[in-house]
Amino acid sequence: MKFSIITPSFRNSNWLKLCIASVADQQGVEAEHIVQDSCSDDGTQDWLLQDKRVKAFIEKDSGMYDAVNRGLRRATGDILAYLNCDEQYLPGALHAVAEFFETNPHVDIVFADSIIINADGNYICHRKVLVPLKYHSQVCTLGVLSSAMFFRRTVLEKYGLFFNTQWRDFGDVDWVLRALNQSAPMAVLRRFTSAFADTGENMNLKPNARREAKLMVESAPRLAQKLATAFKVYHRLRRLLHGIYFQKPFSFSIYTPRSPDKRVTVRVDKPTFIWKGRI
């Protein structure tokens, strides 16, 4: 079982190096890492094409989701995923995902849990997930992170699920909604597979993301919009019943700006699901 990991890149040289390292050291799996760089002028081009760990393509694109689609069309793997520059995989992540797909051949899309870190690599919170529900995702929030989303190549072949490039920030939500509409089989791998760096400069904090969030809500049936509070309550009950709010102390290992060549271990004695100022 081969993985193809797509990373869209634009002016994120330092974060991209950490991302690449986290894919390159995955054990027990075959993985190609395709980096789609949109002609960055921050020094990325000085080293990217020489990095033998990746398949690098430097070409203009029309945005992040166009870059991801370009990478998906070039991918040769059985299991596909995309990982942004400010994200990275945790040790053993891809091996665990491969085992899950092998033991669950009926599942086409897998969502896993994620850890949120700050720009220095310190723990902020964690995100445990459930299989998304349509209207909650559309009018409230998408409760999964793309950094912990994996899907079979057949998702492209059977459902045509490339990303809609009309969206600049909410393409993930649109993608999941289309997968739900087509009843693509989904499941959750209850394991932390990725770390997402909340740098304060992430795209989903910018004005366009707020504009697209409003458009996404308005695209839902009026009744669904009115039931947003009910969807939130039901979502919290689901989380409670599945033990999402409970987590024992744990450790994880990541690359950081201060340690770009060697993972450092972070101990979490007081885990929290609360992402202050965010979802």
Protein backbone atom coordinates (compact mmCIF):
# COMPACT_ATOMS: atom_id res chain seq x y z
CA MET A 1 0.00 0.00 0.00
CA LYS A 2 1.61 3.22 -1.19
CA PHE A 3 0.88 6.74 0.06
CA SER A 4 0.93 9.96 -1.93
CA ILE A 5 1.14 13.06 0.26
CA ILE A 6 0.50 16.41 -1.43
CA THR A 7 1.82 19.65 0.04
CA PRO A 8 0.78 23.00 -1.49
CA SER A 9 3.46 25.58 -0.88
CA PHE A 10 3.80 29.34 -1.20
CA ARG A 11 6.31 31.43 0.75
CA ASN A 12 6.52 28.96 3.63
CA SER A 13 10.11 27.78 3.31
CA ASN A 14 10.90 27.17 6.97
CA TRP A 15 7.62 25.43 7.77
CA LEU A 16 7.87 23.35 4.61
CA LYS A 17 11.19 21.91 5.79
CA LEU A 18 9.54 20.61 8.97
CA CYS A 19 6.62 19.20 7.00
CA ILE A 20 8.95 17.34 4.61
CA ALA A 21 10.99 15.91 7.48
CA SER A 22 7.84 14.54 9.13
CA VAL A 23 6.86 12.63 5.99
CA ALA A 24 10.37 11.44 5.20
CA ASP A 25 10.87 9.68 8.54
CA GLN A 26 7.65 7.64 8.45
CA GLN A 27 8.55 4.00 9.08
CA GLY A 28 7.11 0.83 7.56
CA VAL A 29 5.35 2.41 4.58
CA GLU A 30 6.08 3.48 1.03
CA ALA A 31 5.29 7.14 0.51
CA GLU A 32 5.88 9.72 -2.18
CA HIS A 33 5.76 13.36 -1.13
CA ILE A 34 4.67 15.74 -3.87
CA VAL A 35 5.31 19.42 -3.20
CA GLN A 36 3.44 21.88 -5.41
CA ASP A 37 5.15 25.23 -4.96
CA SER A 38 3.61 28.32 -6.54
CA CYS A 39 6.91 29.99 -7.51
CA SER A 40 7.78 31.11 -3.98
CA ASP A 41 10.25 33.99 -3.73
CA ASP A 42 11.23 33.44 -0.09
CA GLY A 43 14.16 31.12 -0.72
CA THR A 44 12.13 27.93 -1.19
CA GLN A 45 13.35 27.53 -4.76
CA ASP A 46 16.97 27.67 -3.57
CA TRP A 47 16.71 24.21 -2.01
CA LEU A 48 13.42 22.50 -2.90
CA LEU A 49 14.40 21.00 -6.26
CA GLN A 50 17.58 19.59 -4.70
CA ASP A 51 15.72 17.83 -1.89
CA LYS A 52 15.67 14.16 -2.93
CA ARG A 53 13.00 13.30 -0.37
CA VAL A 54 10.28 14.96 -2.43
CA LYS A 55 8.94 15.26 -5.94
CA ALA A 56 8.91 19.02 -6.37
CA PHE A 57 6.97 20.98 -8.97
CA ILE A 58 7.40 24.73 -9.14
CA GLU A 59 4.62 26.33 -11.16
CA LYS A 60 2.00 29.02 -10.79
CA ASP A 61 -1.40 27.88 -9.58
CA SER A 62 -4.70 29.58 -8.85
CA GLY A 63 -4.66 28.86 -5.14
CA MET A 64 -4.14 26.15 -2.55
CA TYR A 65 -6.82 23.79 -3.80
CA ASP A 66 -5.63 24.06 -7.39
CA ALA A 67 -2.16 23.11 -6.14
CA VAL A 68 -3.58 20.13 -4.25
CA ASN A 69 -5.51 18.98 -7.32
CA ARG A 70 -2.37 19.20 -9.44
CA GLY A 71 -0.60 17.02 -6.93
CA LEU A 72 -3.46 14.52 -6.79
CA ARG A 73 -3.37 14.14 -10.57
CA ARG A 74 0.35 13.38 -10.37
CA ALA A 75 -0.01 10.97 -7.45
CA THR A 76 0.72 7.27 -7.91
CA GLY A 77 -0.25 6.06 -4.44
CA ASP A 78 -3.15 3.94 -3.25
CA ILE A 79 -3.86 6.21 -0.27
CA LEU A 80 -3.89 9.97 -0.77
CA ALA A 81 -3.70 12.92 1.60
CA TYR A 82 -2.63 16.53 1.67
CA LEU A 83 -0.51 18.15 4.32
CA ASN A 84 -0.01 21.90 4.46
CA CYS A 85 3.39 23.45 5.16
CA ASP A 86 2.45 24.32 8.75
CA GLU A 87 1.39 20.74 9.48
CA GLN A 88 3.33 17.55 10.07
CA TYR A 89 2.78 13.86 10.69
CA LEU A 90 3.56 12.27 14.01
CA PRO A 91 5.80 9.17 14.22
CA GLY A 92 4.08 6.02 12.99
CA ALA A 93 1.10 7.91 11.59
CA LEU A 94 1.13 6.52 8.06
CA HIS A 95 1.77 2.96 9.23
CA ALA A 96 -1.28 3.17 11.51
CA VAL A 97 -3.38 4.58 8.68
CA ALA A 98 -2.23 1.81 6.32
CA GLU A 99 -3.16 -0.87 8.86
CA PHE A 100 -6.58 0.71 9.35
CA PHE A 101 -7.32 0.72 5.62
CA GLU A 102 -6.09 -2.87 5.27
CA THR A 103 -8.34 -4.13 8.06
CA ASN A 104 -11.31 -2.02 6.90
CA PRO A 105 -11.45 -2.58 3.12
CA HIS A 106 -14.96 -1.13 2.89
CA VAL A 107 -13.81 2.30 4.16
CA ASP A 108 -12.81 4.91 1.58
CA ILE A 109 -12.13 7.94 3.80
CA VAL A 110 -10.44 7.96 7.20
CA PHE A 111 -10.34 10.83 9.69
CA ALA A 112 -7.90 10.77 12.61
CA ASP A 113 -7.12 12.93 15.62
CA SER A 114 -4.78 15.93 15.65
CA ILE A 115 -2.67 17.99 18.02
CA ILE A 116 -2.63 21.78 17.87
CA ILE A 117 0.70 23.47 18.60
CA ASN A 118 1.90 27.06 18.55
CA ALA A 119 4.65 28.50 16.37
CA ASP A 120 7.31 27.28 18.82
CA GLY A 121 5.95 23.74 18.91
CA ASN A 122 4.30 24.01 22.31
CA TYR A 123 1.02 22.18 22.94
CA ILE A 124 -2.17 24.24 22.73
CA CYS A 125 -4.86 21.57 22.62
CA HIS A 126 -5.92 18.45 20.77
CA ARG A 127 -8.77 17.58 18.45
CA LYS A 128 -10.49 14.20 18.59
CA VAL A 129 -12.95 13.69 15.78
CA LEU A 130 -16.14 11.94 14.75
CA VAL A 131 -17.40 11.12 11.29
CA PRO A 132 -18.82 14.47 10.11
CA LEU A 133 -22.55 15.04 9.74
CA LYS A 134 -23.77 17.03 6.76
CA TYR A 135 -25.69 19.97 8.16
CA HIS A 136 -23.54 20.42 11.24
CA SER A 137 -20.53 20.68 8.93
CA GLN A 138 -22.32 23.13 6.67
CA VAL A 139 -23.90 25.54 9.15
CA CYS A 140 -21.69 25.13 12.25
CA THR A 141 -18.15 23.88 11.73
CA LEU A 142 -16.23 21.06 10.11
CA GLY A 143 -15.11 18.99 13.06
CA VAL A 144 -12.14 17.37 11.30
CA LEU A 145 -8.78 18.71 10.16
CA SER A 146 -7.44 18.08 6.67
CA SER A 147 -4.03 17.20 8.12
CA ALA A 148 -5.59 14.01 9.50
CA MET A 149 -7.74 13.10 6.49
CA PHE A 150 -6.78 10.17 4.25
CA PHE A 151 -8.62 8.63 1.33
CA ARG A 152 -8.28 5.88 -1.23
CA ARG A 153 -7.46 6.68 -4.83
CA THR A 154 -10.89 5.23 -5.68
CA VAL A 155 -12.43 8.34 -4.08
CA LEU A 156 -11.17 10.28 -7.09
CA GLU A 157 -12.14 7.56 -9.54
CA LYS A 158 -15.59 6.67 -8.14
CA TYR A 159 -16.75 10.03 -6.86
CA GLY A 160 -14.65 12.55 -8.77
CA LEU A 161 -13.73 14.20 -5.50
CA PHE A 162 -11.13 16.71 -6.50
CA PHE A 163 -11.25 19.99 -4.60
CA ASN A 164 -13.48 22.80 -5.86
CA THR A 165 -11.10 25.64 -6.72
CA GLN A 166 -13.87 28.23 -6.46
CA TRP A 167 -13.24 28.06 -2.72
CA ARG A 168 -10.06 29.63 -1.38
CA ASP A 169 -10.40 28.59 2.26
CA PHE A 170 -13.48 26.38 2.64
CA GLY A 171 -12.63 23.76 0.02
CA ASP A 172 -12.25 21.15 2.76
CA VAL A 173 -15.82 21.68 3.92
CA ASP A 174 -17.12 21.53 0.36
CA TRP A 175 -15.12 18.33 -0.28
CA VAL A 176 -16.47 16.59 2.82
CA LEU A 177 -20.03 17.67 2.02
CA ARG A 178 -19.77 16.22 -1.49
CA ALA A 179 -18.36 12.99 -0.05
CA LEU A 180 -21.28 12.80 2.39
CA ASN A 181 -23.78 13.50 -0.38
CA GLN A 182 -22.38 10.55 -2.33
CA SER A 183 -22.39 8.28 0.74
CA ALA A 184 -18.66 7.63 0.55
CA PRO A 185 -17.83 5.17 3.37
CA MET A 186 -16.06 7.00 6.21
CA ALA A 187 -14.53 5.99 9.52
CA VAL A 188 -12.42 7.35 12.37
CA LEU A 189 -8.97 6.15 13.40
CA ARG A 190 -8.75 6.97 17.10
CA ARG A 191 -5.12 8.02 17.10
CA PHE A 192 -3.20 11.28 16.91
CA THR A 193 -1.62 11.31 13.45
CA SER A 194 -0.74 14.96 12.85
CA ALA A 195 0.21 18.27 14.39
CA PHE A 196 -1.17 21.59 13.14
CA ALA A 197 0.73 24.79 13.92
CA ASP A 198 -1.55 27.65 14.91
CA THR A 199 0.81 30.44 13.92
CA GLY A 200 -1.71 33.28 13.90
CA GLU A 201 -1.11 33.65 10.16
CA ASN A 202 -3.17 30.67 9.01
CA MET A 203 -5.45 31.21 6.03
CA ASN A 204 -8.62 30.35 7.94
CA LEU A 205 -8.09 33.40 10.17
CA LYS A 206 -8.21 35.89 7.31
CA PRO A 207 -11.18 37.94 6.02
CA ASN A 208 -11.83 35.69 3.02
CA ALA A 209 -12.30 32.70 5.31
CA ARG A 210 -15.00 34.57 7.23
CA ARG A 211 -16.65 35.53 3.95
CA GLU A 212 -16.65 31.93 2.74
CA ALA A 213 -17.96 30.69 6.09
CA LYS A 214 -20.96 32.97 5.60
CA LEU A 215 -21.45 31.71 2.04
CA MET A 216 -21.27 28.11 3.21
CA VAL A 217 -23.99 28.67 5.80
CA GLU A 218 -26.18 30.51 3.30
CA SER A 219 -25.89 27.60 0.84
CA ALA A 220 -27.67 25.32 3.32
CA PRO A 221 -31.47 24.96 3.35
CA ARG A 222 -33.13 27.67 5.41
CA LEU A 223 -34.44 25.10 7.90
CA ALA A 224 -30.92 23.78 8.47
CA GLN A 225 -29.72 27.33 9.14
CA LYS A 226 -32.45 27.79 11.75
CA LEU A 227 -31.49 24.51 13.41
CA ALA A 228 -27.81 25.43 13.83
CA THR A 229 -28.06 25.55 17.63
CA ALA A 230 -29.71 22.12 17.70
CA PHE A 231 -26.95 20.70 15.50
CA LYS A 232 -24.33 22.11 17.90
CA VAL A 233 -26.03 20.53 20.91
CA TYR A 234 -26.34 17.17 19.15
CA HIS A 235 -22.68 17.34 18.11
CA ARG A 236 -21.63 17.93 21.72
CA LEU A 237 -23.75 15.00 22.87
CA ARG A 238 -22.11 12.77 20.28
CA ARG A 239 -18.71 13.90 21.50
CA LEU A 240 -19.67 13.19 25.09
CA LEU A 241 -21.00 9.71 24.30
CA HIS A 242 -17.84 8.83 22.37
CA GLY A 243 -15.51 10.02 25.13
CA ILE A 244 -14.10 12.84 23.02
CA TYR A 245 -13.79 15.19 25.98
CA PHE A 246 -11.53 12.84 27.94
CA GLN A 247 -7.81 12.36 27.36
CA LYS A 248 -5.10 11.00 29.63
CA PRO A 249 -1.68 12.71 29.79
CA PHE A 250 0.43 11.82 26.78
CA SER A 251 3.55 12.69 24.80
CA PHE A 252 4.16 13.44 21.14
CA SER A 253 7.22 14.11 18.98
CA ILE A 254 7.54 16.85 16.37
CA TYR A 255 10.00 18.96 14.45
CA THR A 256 10.21 22.58 15.59
CA PRO A 257 11.80 25.78 14.27
CA ARG A 258 14.54 25.30 16.87
CA SER A 259 14.95 21.60 16.03
CA PRO A 260 14.32 21.22 12.28
CA ASP A 261 16.48 18.10 11.91
CA LYS A 262 15.47 16.07 14.95
CA ARG A 263 12.11 15.48 16.58
CA VAL A 264 11.63 16.78 20.09
CA THR A 265 9.27 15.12 22.55
CA VAL A 266 6.55 17.22 24.15
CA ARG A 267 4.91 15.99 27.34
CA VAL A 268 1.28 16.95 27.94
CA ASP A 269 0.30 16.62 31.60
CA LYS A 270 -2.93 18.59 31.34
CA PRO A 271 -4.61 17.76 28.02
CA THR A 272 -7.41 20.03 26.84
CA PHE A 273 -9.81 20.03 23.92
CA ILE A 274 -10.36 23.80 24.24
CA TRP A 275 -8.85 25.75 21.35
CA LYS A 276 -9.05 29.30 22.69
CA GLY A 277 -10.18 31.84 20.15
CA ARG A 278 -10.90 29.17 17.55
CA ILE A 279 -13.39 26.41 16.92
